């Protein structure tokens, strides 16, 4: 083969490698994401927001938020509820008014983990959060094994926590979530009577194809409970849920359960050019 024929393919491969390396170099306020089969970089420019409306009772004490100053002192970020307003104040269903950030949560165990001590520890966890062996025992009781989402050292790659950060954390995110509403919706528990706070699970991110390059905006977090390891995205994005189409296919197969939330993040998205390597020579 002539050198002139090899050169374009070689340059393309070098560009791909450079883009992949660039995608992995993150500032403290950045994480990675996926979209349209590409690796994305998110830059967070302010803190999260978890909407608590005047008529809500997110701490289940029988007092609406408007009359409960104590409810305002701790962010209550819940999966399984949907507010009627977004952080900029636009009224309406955020699933219509606000761009979605699909947060992939690995709700499966690669090794059928039955050891509660493998769960995210209580180090630096907010008081009142289920953690350590108690978290592990609860997750095993609910799901039959400790999901990778709540392991201190998951057996799958996740984009959060970002490199160098502690389990149960992610830059500019809430440090814990209330699973009470979503557990009730899925039939694991009865109607919630108290918050079920757990550390922020290990997770990855997916945007719809048209949103991969956007300036900083508010995004609604849509938790996606992924139940099949075969759908979990690989680090290089060559397999798993890395696009809108792949997410829809997993949902149709019953392997991805979507839930709304009152949790919003503020960031920009930029495509690094790191396309999936699947099928490339």
C-alpha atoms as a PDB file:
ATOM      1  CA  UNK A   1       0.000   0.000   0.000  1.00  0.00           C
ATOM      2  CA  UNK A   2       1.315   3.452  -0.914  1.00  0.00           C
ATOM      3  CA  UNK A   3       2.238   5.897   1.856  1.00  0.00           C
ATOM      4  CA  UNK A   4      -0.225   8.408   0.380  1.00  0.00           C
ATOM      5  CA  UNK A   5      -3.055   5.942   0.999  1.00  0.00           C
ATOM      6  CA  UNK A   6      -1.981   5.183   4.566  1.00  0.00           C
ATOM      7  CA  UNK A   7      -1.473   8.806   5.615  1.00  0.00           C
ATOM      8  CA  UNK A   8      -5.165   9.938   5.799  1.00  0.00           C
ATOM      9  CA  UNK A   9      -6.148   6.910   7.906  1.00  0.00           C
ATOM     10  CA  UNK A  10      -3.138   7.462  10.186  1.00  0.00           C
ATOM     11  CA  UNK A  11      -4.003  11.131  10.673  1.00  0.00           C
ATOM     12  CA  UNK A  12      -7.600  10.210  11.466  1.00  0.00           C
ATOM     13  CA  UNK A  13      -6.439   7.692  14.071  1.00  0.00           C
ATOM     14  CA  UNK A  14      -4.078  10.244  15.659  1.00  0.00           C
ATOM     15  CA  UNK A  15      -6.888  12.824  15.772  1.00  0.00           C
ATOM     16  CA  UNK A  16      -9.187  10.316  17.438  1.00  0.00           C
ATOM     17  CA  UNK A  17      -6.574   9.455  20.052  1.00  0.00           C
ATOM     18  CA  UNK A  18      -5.883  13.136  20.705  1.00  0.00           C
ATOM     19  CA  UNK A  19      -9.590  13.837  21.131  1.00  0.00           C
ATOM     20  CA  UNK A  20      -9.939  10.926  23.547  1.00  0.00           C
ATOM     21  CA  UNK A  21      -6.975  12.123  25.629  1.00  0.00           C
ATOM     22  CA  UNK A  22      -8.396  15.646  25.633  1.00  0.00           C
ATOM     23  CA  UNK A  23     -11.736  14.297  26.835  1.00  0.00           C
ATOM     24  CA  UNK A  24     -10.064  12.686  29.840  1.00  0.00           C
ATOM     25  CA  UNK A  25      -8.271  15.909  30.923  1.00  0.00           C
ATOM     26  CA  UNK A  26     -10.748  17.568  33.242  1.00  0.00           C
ATOM     27  CA  UNK A  27     -10.761  20.733  35.315  1.00  0.00           C
ATOM     28  CA  UNK A  28     -12.151  20.522  38.871  1.00  0.00           C
ATOM     29  CA  UNK A  29     -15.565  21.775  37.676  1.00  0.00           C
ATOM     30  CA  UNK A  30     -15.875  19.362  34.739  1.00  0.00           C
ATOM     31  CA  UNK A  31     -17.158  15.854  34.109  1.00  0.00           C
ATOM     32  CA  UNK A  32     -17.552  13.733  31.005  1.00  0.00           C
ATOM     33  CA  UNK A  33     -20.771  12.684  29.313  1.00  0.00           C
ATOM     34  CA  UNK A  34     -22.030  10.847  26.232  1.00  0.00           C
ATOM     35  CA  UNK A  35     -24.283  11.954  23.392  1.00  0.00           C
ATOM     36  CA  UNK A  36     -24.823  10.965  19.759  1.00  0.00           C
ATOM     37  CA  UNK A  37     -22.202   8.237  20.284  1.00  0.00           C
ATOM     38  CA  UNK A  38     -19.590  10.824  21.244  1.00  0.00           C
ATOM     39  CA  UNK A  39     -17.676  11.676  24.418  1.00  0.00           C
ATOM     40  CA  UNK A  40     -18.743  15.055  25.790  1.00  0.00           C
ATOM     41  CA  UNK A  41     -17.242  17.407  28.339  1.00  0.00           C
ATOM     42  CA  UNK A  42     -19.516  19.253  30.781  1.00  0.00           C
ATOM     43  CA  UNK A  43     -18.407  22.464  32.508  1.00  0.00           C
ATOM     44  CA  UNK A  44     -20.394  23.388  35.633  1.00  0.00           C
ATOM     45  CA  UNK A  45     -20.505  27.129  36.338  1.00  0.00           C
ATOM     46  CA  UNK A  46     -22.748  27.208  39.414  1.00  0.00           C
ATOM     47  CA  UNK A  47     -24.221  24.890  42.022  1.00  0.00           C
ATOM     48  CA  UNK A  48     -27.172  22.531  41.660  1.00  0.00           C
ATOM     49  CA  UNK A  49     -30.772  23.299  42.594  1.00  0.00           C
ATOM     50  CA  UNK A  50     -33.448  20.977  43.955  1.00  0.00           C
ATOM     51  CA  UNK A  51     -36.890  22.545  43.627  1.00  0.00           C
ATOM     52  CA  UNK A  52     -39.037  22.680  46.775  1.00  0.00           C
ATOM     53  CA  UNK A  53     -42.339  24.422  45.994  1.00  0.00           C
ATOM     54  CA  UNK A  54     -44.484  26.187  48.632  1.00  0.00           C
ATOM     55  CA  UNK A  55     -47.115  23.444  48.721  1.00  0.00           C
ATOM     56  CA  UNK A  56     -44.604  20.585  48.927  1.00  0.00           C
ATOM     57  CA  UNK A  57     -43.868  18.494  51.985  1.00  0.00           C
ATOM     58  CA  UNK A  58     -40.598  16.910  50.921  1.00  0.00           C
ATOM     59  CA  UNK A  59     -39.589  15.946  54.467  1.00  0.00           C
ATOM     60  CA  UNK A  60     -42.912  14.206  55.186  1.00  0.00           C
ATOM     61  CA  UNK A  61     -43.579  15.979  58.492  1.00  0.00           C
ATOM     62  CA  UNK A  62     -47.134  16.987  57.600  1.00  0.00           C
ATOM     63  CA  UNK A  63     -46.274  20.693  57.185  1.00  0.00           C
ATOM     64  CA  UNK A  64     -46.153  22.333  53.769  1.00  0.00           C
ATOM     65  CA  UNK A  65     -42.848  23.964  52.846  1.00  0.00           C
ATOM     66  CA  UNK A  66     -44.340  27.467  52.990  1.00  0.00           C
ATOM     67  CA  UNK A  67     -44.955  26.977  56.722  1.00  0.00           C
ATOM     68  CA  UNK A  68     -41.888  24.863  57.488  1.00  0.00           C
ATOM     69  CA  UNK A  69     -38.636  26.878  57.768  1.00  0.00           C
ATOM     70  CA  UNK A  70     -36.774  23.704  58.706  1.00  0.00           C
ATOM     71  CA  UNK A  71     -37.528  22.187  55.313  1.00  0.00           C
ATOM     72  CA  UNK A  72     -35.631  25.046  53.689  1.00  0.00           C
ATOM     73  CA  UNK A  73     -32.369  24.407  55.531  1.00  0.00           C
ATOM     74  CA  UNK A  74     -31.303  21.226  53.736  1.00  0.00           C
ATOM     75  CA  UNK A  75     -31.632  20.574  49.997  1.00  0.00           C
ATOM     76  CA  UNK A  76     -34.033  17.680  49.438  1.00  0.00           C
ATOM     77  CA  UNK A  77     -33.269  16.182  46.054  1.00  0.00           C
ATOM     78  CA  UNK A  78     -35.798  13.480  45.195  1.00  0.00           C
ATOM     79  CA  UNK A  79     -36.031  10.919  42.425  1.00  0.00           C
ATOM     80  CA  UNK A  80     -39.573  10.062  41.399  1.00  0.00           C
ATOM     81  CA  UNK A  81     -41.199  13.507  41.617  1.00  0.00           C
ATOM     82  CA  UNK A  82     -41.604  16.242  39.022  1.00  0.00           C
ATOM     83  CA  UNK A  83     -41.971  19.940  39.935  1.00  0.00           C
ATOM     84  CA  UNK A  84     -44.119  22.351  37.955  1.00  0.00           C
ATOM     85  CA  UNK A  85     -41.383  24.971  37.579  1.00  0.00           C
ATOM     86  CA  UNK A  86     -37.677  25.035  36.719  1.00  0.00           C
ATOM     87  CA  UNK A  87     -34.897  27.081  38.404  1.00  0.00           C
ATOM     88  CA  UNK A  88     -35.117  30.130  36.059  1.00  0.00           C
ATOM     89  CA  UNK A  89     -38.789  30.330  37.078  1.00  0.00           C
ATOM     90  CA  UNK A  90     -40.400  29.055  33.900  1.00  0.00           C
ATOM     91  CA  UNK A  91     -43.742  27.510  34.799  1.00  0.00           C
ATOM     92  CA  UNK A  92     -44.645  24.176  33.269  1.00  0.00           C
ATOM     93  CA  UNK A  93     -43.554  20.571  33.208  1.00  0.00           C
ATOM     94  CA  UNK A  94     -39.722  20.615  33.134  1.00  0.00           C
ATOM     95  CA  UNK A  95     -39.810  17.555  30.900  1.00  0.00           C
ATOM     96  CA  UNK A  96     -41.208  19.983  28.288  1.00  0.00           C
ATOM     97  CA  UNK A  97     -39.585  23.302  29.254  1.00  0.00           C
ATOM     98  CA  UNK A  98     -36.104  22.081  30.239  1.00  0.00           C
ATOM     99  CA  UNK A  99     -33.427  20.046  28.477  1.00  0.00           C
ATOM    100  CA  UNK A 100     -32.968  16.539  29.954  1.00  0.00           C
ATOM    101  CA  UNK A 101     -29.784  15.176  31.468  1.00  0.00           C
ATOM    102  CA  UNK A 102     -30.161  11.413  31.593  1.00  0.00           C
ATOM    103  CA  UNK A 103     -28.174  10.133  34.563  1.00  0.00           C
ATOM    104  CA  UNK A 104     -27.369   6.452  34.112  1.00  0.00           C
ATOM    105  CA  UNK A 105     -27.368   4.561  37.419  1.00  0.00           C
ATOM    106  CA  UNK A 106     -25.963   0.974  37.367  1.00  0.00           C
ATOM    107  CA  UNK A 107     -28.675  -0.802  39.347  1.00  0.00           C
ATOM    108  CA  UNK A 108     -27.091  -4.216  38.795  1.00  0.00           C
ATOM    109  CA  UNK A 109     -24.282  -6.135  40.455  1.00  0.00           C
ATOM    110  CA  UNK A 110     -21.601  -7.582  38.210  1.00  0.00           C
ATOM    111  CA  UNK A 111     -20.541 -10.152  40.817  1.00  0.00           C
ATOM    112  CA  UNK A 112     -23.789 -10.697  42.775  1.00  0.00           C
ATOM    113  CA  UNK A 113     -22.199  -8.828  45.673  1.00  0.00           C
ATOM    114  CA  UNK A 114     -23.608  -9.936  49.026  1.00  0.00           C
ATOM    115  CA  UNK A 115     -21.126  -8.023  51.200  1.00  0.00           C
ATOM    116  CA  UNK A 116     -22.702  -4.912  52.778  1.00  0.00           C
ATOM    117  CA  UNK A 117     -19.233  -3.647  53.686  1.00  0.00           C
ATOM    118  CA  UNK A 118     -18.585  -2.953  49.989  1.00  0.00           C
ATOM    119  CA  UNK A 119     -21.032  -0.037  50.052  1.00  0.00           C
ATOM    120  CA  UNK A 120     -20.034   3.637  49.979  1.00  0.00           C
ATOM    121  CA  UNK A 121     -18.620   4.389  53.420  1.00  0.00           C
ATOM    122  CA  UNK A 122     -19.788   7.033  55.883  1.00  0.00           C
ATOM    123  CA  UNK A 123     -16.618   9.115  55.457  1.00  0.00           C
ATOM    124  CA  UNK A 124     -17.567  12.743  54.724  1.00  0.00           C
ATOM    125  CA  UNK A 125     -21.232  11.787  54.252  1.00  0.00           C
ATOM    126  CA  UNK A 126     -23.925  14.265  55.350  1.00  0.00           C
ATOM    127  CA  UNK A 127     -25.514  13.322  58.665  1.00  0.00           C
ATOM    128  CA  UNK A 128     -28.771  11.404  58.233  1.00  0.00           C
ATOM    129  CA  UNK A 129     -27.612   9.688  55.025  1.00  0.00           C
ATOM    130  CA  UNK A 130     -27.753   5.903  54.745  1.00  0.00           C
ATOM    131  CA  UNK A 131     -24.160   4.764  54.280  1.00  0.00           C
ATOM    132  CA  UNK A 132     -21.615   2.068  55.032  1.00  0.00           C
ATOM    133  CA  UNK A 133     -22.796  -1.441  55.952  1.00  0.00           C
ATOM    134  CA  UNK A 134     -26.311  -0.126  56.675  1.00  0.00           C
ATOM    135  CA  UNK A 135     -26.552   1.146  53.096  1.00  0.00           C
ATOM    136  CA  UNK A 136     -25.164  -2.123  51.781  1.00  0.00           C
ATOM    137  CA  UNK A 137     -27.611  -4.227  53.776  1.00  0.00           C
ATOM    138  CA  UNK A 138     -30.580  -2.112  52.638  1.00  0.00           C
ATOM    139  CA  UNK A 139     -29.598  -2.279  48.968  1.00  0.00           C
ATOM    140  CA  UNK A 140     -29.051  -6.046  49.155  1.00  0.00           C
ATOM    141  CA  UNK A 141     -32.452  -6.421  50.820  1.00  0.00           C
ATOM    142  CA  UNK A 142     -34.164  -4.380  48.098  1.00  0.00           C
ATOM    143  CA  UNK A 143     -32.339  -5.583  44.980  1.00  0.00           C
ATOM    144  CA  UNK A 144     -30.933  -8.977  45.934  1.00  0.00           C
ATOM    145  CA  UNK A 145     -27.309  -7.818  45.640  1.00  0.00           C
ATOM    146  CA  UNK A 146     -25.345  -4.609  46.145  1.00  0.00           C
ATOM    147  CA  UNK A 147     -25.677  -2.567  42.922  1.00  0.00           C
ATOM    148  CA  UNK A 148     -22.558  -1.059  41.361  1.00  0.00           C
ATOM    149  CA  UNK A 149     -24.235   2.318  41.899  1.00  0.00           C
ATOM    150  CA  UNK A 150     -23.633   2.170  45.633  1.00  0.00           C
ATOM    151  CA  UNK A 151     -20.254   0.444  45.835  1.00  0.00           C
ATOM    152  CA  UNK A 152     -17.219   2.286  47.151  1.00  0.00           C
ATOM    153  CA  UNK A 153     -15.307   0.663  44.273  1.00  0.00           C
ATOM    154  CA  UNK A 154     -17.689  -0.170  41.407  1.00  0.00           C
ATOM    155  CA  UNK A 155     -16.766  -2.895  38.936  1.00  0.00           C
ATOM    156  CA  UNK A 156     -17.914  -0.779  35.977  1.00  0.00           C
ATOM    157  CA  UNK A 157     -16.570   2.540  34.694  1.00  0.00           C
ATOM    158  CA  UNK A 158     -18.617   5.600  35.702  1.00  0.00           C
ATOM    159  CA  UNK A 159     -18.127   9.275  34.892  1.00  0.00           C
ATOM    160  CA  UNK A 160     -19.048  10.320  38.426  1.00  0.00           C
ATOM    161  CA  UNK A 161     -17.393  10.534  40.823  1.00  0.00           C
ATOM    162  CA  UNK A 162     -14.915  12.275  38.543  1.00  0.00           C
ATOM    163  CA  UNK A 163     -11.251  11.155  38.780  1.00  0.00           C
ATOM    164  CA  UNK A 164      -9.725  11.804  42.201  1.00  0.00           C
ATOM    165  CA  UNK A 165     -13.043  12.433  43.963  1.00  0.00           C
ATOM    166  CA  UNK A 166     -14.562  10.409  46.778  1.00  0.00           C
ATOM    167  CA  UNK A 167     -17.345   7.853  46.225  1.00  0.00           C
ATOM    168  CA  UNK A 168     -20.785   9.391  46.643  1.00  0.00           C
ATOM    169  CA  UNK A 169     -19.715  12.783  45.278  1.00  0.00           C
ATOM    170  CA  UNK A 170     -19.505  14.645  41.966  1.00  0.00           C
ATOM    171  CA  UNK A 171     -18.516  18.223  41.221  1.00  0.00           C
ATOM    172  CA  UNK A 172     -21.287  20.786  41.822  1.00  0.00           C
ATOM    173  CA  UNK A 173     -23.827  17.968  42.388  1.00  0.00           C
ATOM    174  CA  UNK A 174     -25.976  17.285  45.427  1.00  0.00           C
ATOM    175  CA  UNK A 175     -24.128  14.949  47.797  1.00  0.00           C
ATOM    176  CA  UNK A 176     -27.191  12.811  48.489  1.00  0.00           C
ATOM    177  CA  UNK A 177     -30.566  11.840  47.015  1.00  0.00           C
ATOM    178  CA  UNK A 178     -33.900  10.821  48.512  1.00  0.00           C
ATOM    179  CA  UNK A 179     -34.997   7.556  46.909  1.00  0.00           C
ATOM    180  CA  UNK A 180     -38.293   7.317  48.829  1.00  0.00           C
ATOM    181  CA  UNK A 181     -40.653   8.344  45.978  1.00  0.00           C
ATOM    182  CA  UNK A 182     -39.007   6.247  43.262  1.00  0.00           C
ATOM    183  CA  UNK A 183     -38.766   3.136  45.473  1.00  0.00           C
ATOM    184  CA  UNK A 184     -42.477   3.483  46.165  1.00  0.00           C
ATOM    185  CA  UNK A 185     -43.293   3.961  42.469  1.00  0.00           C
ATOM    186  CA  UNK A 186     -41.346   0.815  41.593  1.00  0.00           C
ATOM    187  CA  UNK A 187     -43.175  -1.200  44.252  1.00  0.00           C
ATOM    188  CA  UNK A 188     -40.174  -1.859  46.483  1.00  0.00           C
ATOM    189  CA  UNK A 189     -41.751  -0.016  49.428  1.00  0.00           C
ATOM    190  CA  UNK A 190     -45.050   1.501  50.453  1.00  0.00           C
ATOM    191  CA  UNK A 191     -45.811   5.226  50.177  1.00  0.00           C
ATOM    192  CA  UNK A 192     -42.875   7.158  51.664  1.00  0.00           C
ATOM    193  CA  UNK A 193     -43.308   8.470  55.220  1.00  0.00           C
ATOM    194  CA  UNK A 194     -39.708   9.611  55.671  1.00  0.00           C
ATOM    195  CA  UNK A 195     -36.760  10.530  53.470  1.00  0.00           C
ATOM    196  CA  UNK A 196     -34.522   7.683  52.309  1.00  0.00           C
ATOM    197  CA  UNK A 197     -31.306   9.632  51.795  1.00  0.00           C
ATOM    198  CA  UNK A 198     -28.447   7.776  50.071  1.00  0.00           C
ATOM    199  CA  UNK A 199     -25.095   9.091  48.804  1.00  0.00           C
ATOM    200  CA  UNK A 200     -25.073  10.318  45.224  1.00  0.00           C
ATOM    201  CA  UNK A 201     -24.755   7.034  43.277  1.00  0.00           C
ATOM    202  CA  UNK A 202     -21.936   6.240  40.900  1.00  0.00           C
ATOM    203  CA  UNK A 203     -23.271   7.289  37.503  1.00  0.00           C
ATOM    204  CA  UNK A 204     -22.665   8.399  33.925  1.00  0.00           C
ATOM    205  CA  UNK A 205     -24.449  10.970  31.735  1.00  0.00           C
ATOM    206  CA  UNK A 206     -26.233  10.983  28.364  1.00  0.00           C
ATOM    207  CA  UNK A 207     -27.713  13.894  26.416  1.00  0.00           C
ATOM    208  CA  UNK A 208     -30.115  13.817  23.500  1.00  0.00           C
ATOM    209  CA  UNK A 209     -28.377  14.140  20.140  1.00  0.00           C
ATOM    210  CA  UNK A 210     -29.331  17.780  19.532  1.00  0.00           C
ATOM    211  CA  UNK A 211     -27.930  18.942  22.890  1.00  0.00           C
ATOM    212  CA  UNK A 212     -24.327  17.793  22.683  1.00  0.00           C
ATOM    213  CA  UNK A 213     -23.014  21.339  22.091  1.00  0.00           C
ATOM    214  CA  UNK A 214     -24.780  23.916  24.235  1.00  0.00           C
ATOM    215  CA  UNK A 215     -23.798  26.954  26.295  1.00  0.00           C
ATOM    216  CA  UNK A 216     -24.452  26.837  30.079  1.00  0.00           C
ATOM    217  CA  UNK A 217     -28.124  26.204  30.835  1.00  0.00           C
ATOM    218  CA  UNK A 218     -30.250  24.486  33.463  1.00  0.00           C
ATOM    219  CA  UNK A 219     -30.841  20.782  32.869  1.00  0.00           C
ATOM    220  CA  UNK A 220     -33.360  18.531  34.588  1.00  0.00           C
ATOM    221  CA  UNK A 221     -31.777  15.374  35.965  1.00  0.00           C
ATOM    222  CA  UNK A 222     -33.675  12.313  34.732  1.00  0.00           C
ATOM    223  CA  UNK A 223     -32.389   9.265  36.633  1.00  0.00           C
ATOM    224  CA  UNK A 224     -32.163   6.152  34.452  1.00  0.00           C
ATOM    225  CA  UNK A 225     -32.023   2.899  36.401  1.00  0.00           C
ATOM    226  CA  UNK A 226     -30.006   0.570  34.165  1.00  0.00           C
ATOM    227  CA  UNK A 227     -30.665  -3.072  35.063  1.00  0.00           C
ATOM    228  CA  UNK A 228     -28.599  -4.908  32.428  1.00  0.00           C
ATOM    229  CA  UNK A 229     -24.768  -4.870  32.397  1.00  0.00           C
ATOM    230  CA  UNK A 230     -24.833  -5.272  28.602  1.00  0.00           C
ATOM    231  CA  UNK A 231     -26.385  -1.804  28.290  1.00  0.00           C
ATOM    232  CA  UNK A 232     -23.765  -0.102  30.443  1.00  0.00           C
ATOM    233  CA  UNK A 233     -21.518   2.245  28.406  1.00  0.00           C
ATOM    234  CA  UNK A 234     -17.825   1.431  28.150  1.00  0.00           C
ATOM    235  CA  UNK A 235     -15.265   4.089  28.988  1.00  0.00           C
ATOM    236  CA  UNK A 236     -14.453   4.803  25.341  1.00  0.00           C
ATOM    237  CA  UNK A 237     -18.109   4.867  24.359  1.00  0.00           C
ATOM    238  CA  UNK A 238     -17.756   1.941  21.977  1.00  0.00           C
ATOM    239  CA  UNK A 239     -20.732   0.091  23.475  1.00  0.00           C
ATOM    240  CA  UNK A 240     -23.745   0.603  25.705  1.00  0.00           C
ATOM    241  CA  UNK A 241     -26.028   3.608  26.156  1.00  0.00           C
ATOM    242  CA  UNK A 242     -24.103   6.499  24.613  1.00  0.00           C
ATOM    243  CA  UNK A 243     -26.853   7.988  22.442  1.00  0.00           C
ATOM    244  CA  UNK A 244     -30.525   8.861  22.422  1.00  0.00           C
ATOM    245  CA  UNK A 245     -31.286   5.870  20.214  1.00  0.00           C
ATOM    246  CA  UNK A 246     -29.468   3.426  22.490  1.00  0.00           C
ATOM    247  CA  UNK A 247     -31.317   4.805  25.504  1.00  0.00           C
ATOM    248  CA  UNK A 248     -34.680   4.412  23.782  1.00  0.00           C
ATOM    249  CA  UNK A 249     -33.821   0.837  22.787  1.00  0.00           C
ATOM    250  CA  UNK A 250     -32.847  -0.086  26.350  1.00  0.00           C
ATOM    251  CA  UNK A 251     -36.025   1.501  27.657  1.00  0.00           C
ATOM    252  CA  UNK A 252     -38.165  -0.424  25.143  1.00  0.00           C
ATOM    253  CA  UNK A 253     -36.449  -3.661  26.211  1.00  0.00           C
ATOM    254  CA  UNK A 254     -37.250  -2.957  29.867  1.00  0.00           C
ATOM    255  CA  UNK A 255     -33.570  -2.585  30.766  1.00  0.00           C
ATOM    256  CA  UNK A 256     -33.684   1.159  31.497  1.00  0.00           C
ATOM    257  CA  UNK A 257     -36.256   2.706  33.838  1.00  0.00           C
ATOM    258  CA  UNK A 258     -36.641   6.483  33.599  1.00  0.00           C
ATOM    259  CA  UNK A 259     -37.853   8.664  36.471  1.00  0.00           C
ATOM    260  CA  UNK A 260     -38.230  12.440  36.766  1.00  0.00           C
ATOM    261  CA  UNK A 261     -36.682  14.395  39.634  1.00  0.00           C
ATOM    262  CA  UNK A 262     -36.673  17.842  41.229  1.00  0.00           C
ATOM    263  CA  UNK A 263     -32.890  17.933  40.748  1.00  0.00           C
ATOM    264  CA  UNK A 264     -31.348  20.431  38.283  1.00  0.00           C
ATOM    265  CA  UNK A 265     -27.744  21.081  37.223  1.00  0.00           C
ATOM    266  CA  UNK A 266     -26.229  24.084  35.434  1.00  0.00           C
ATOM    267  CA  UNK A 267     -23.499  23.383  32.884  1.00  0.00           C
ATOM    268  CA  UNK A 268     -22.386  23.668  29.280  1.00  0.00           C
ATOM    269  CA  UNK A 269     -21.753  20.715  26.991  1.00  0.00           C
ATOM    270  CA  UNK A 270     -19.013  20.453  24.419  1.00  0.00           C
ATOM    271  CA  UNK A 271     -18.337  17.586  22.049  1.00  0.00           C
ATOM    272  CA  UNK A 272     -14.675  16.571  22.281  1.00  0.00           C
ATOM    273  CA  UNK A 273     -14.817  14.806  18.943  1.00  0.00           C
ATOM    274  CA  UNK A 274     -14.167  11.464  20.639  1.00  0.00           C
ATOM    275  CA  UNK A 275     -16.515   9.293  18.599  1.00  0.00           C
ATOM    276  CA  UNK A 276     -17.183   5.700  19.494  1.00  0.00           C
ATOM    277  CA  UNK A 277     -14.426   3.462  18.097  1.00  0.00           C
ATOM    278  CA  UNK A 278     -16.854   0.646  17.312  1.00  0.00           C
ATOM    279  CA  UNK A 279     -16.622  -0.414  13.684  1.00  0.00           C
ATOM    280  CA  UNK A 280     -13.562   1.730  12.888  1.00  0.00           C
ATOM    281  CA  UNK A 281     -10.524   0.204  11.168  1.00  0.00           C
END
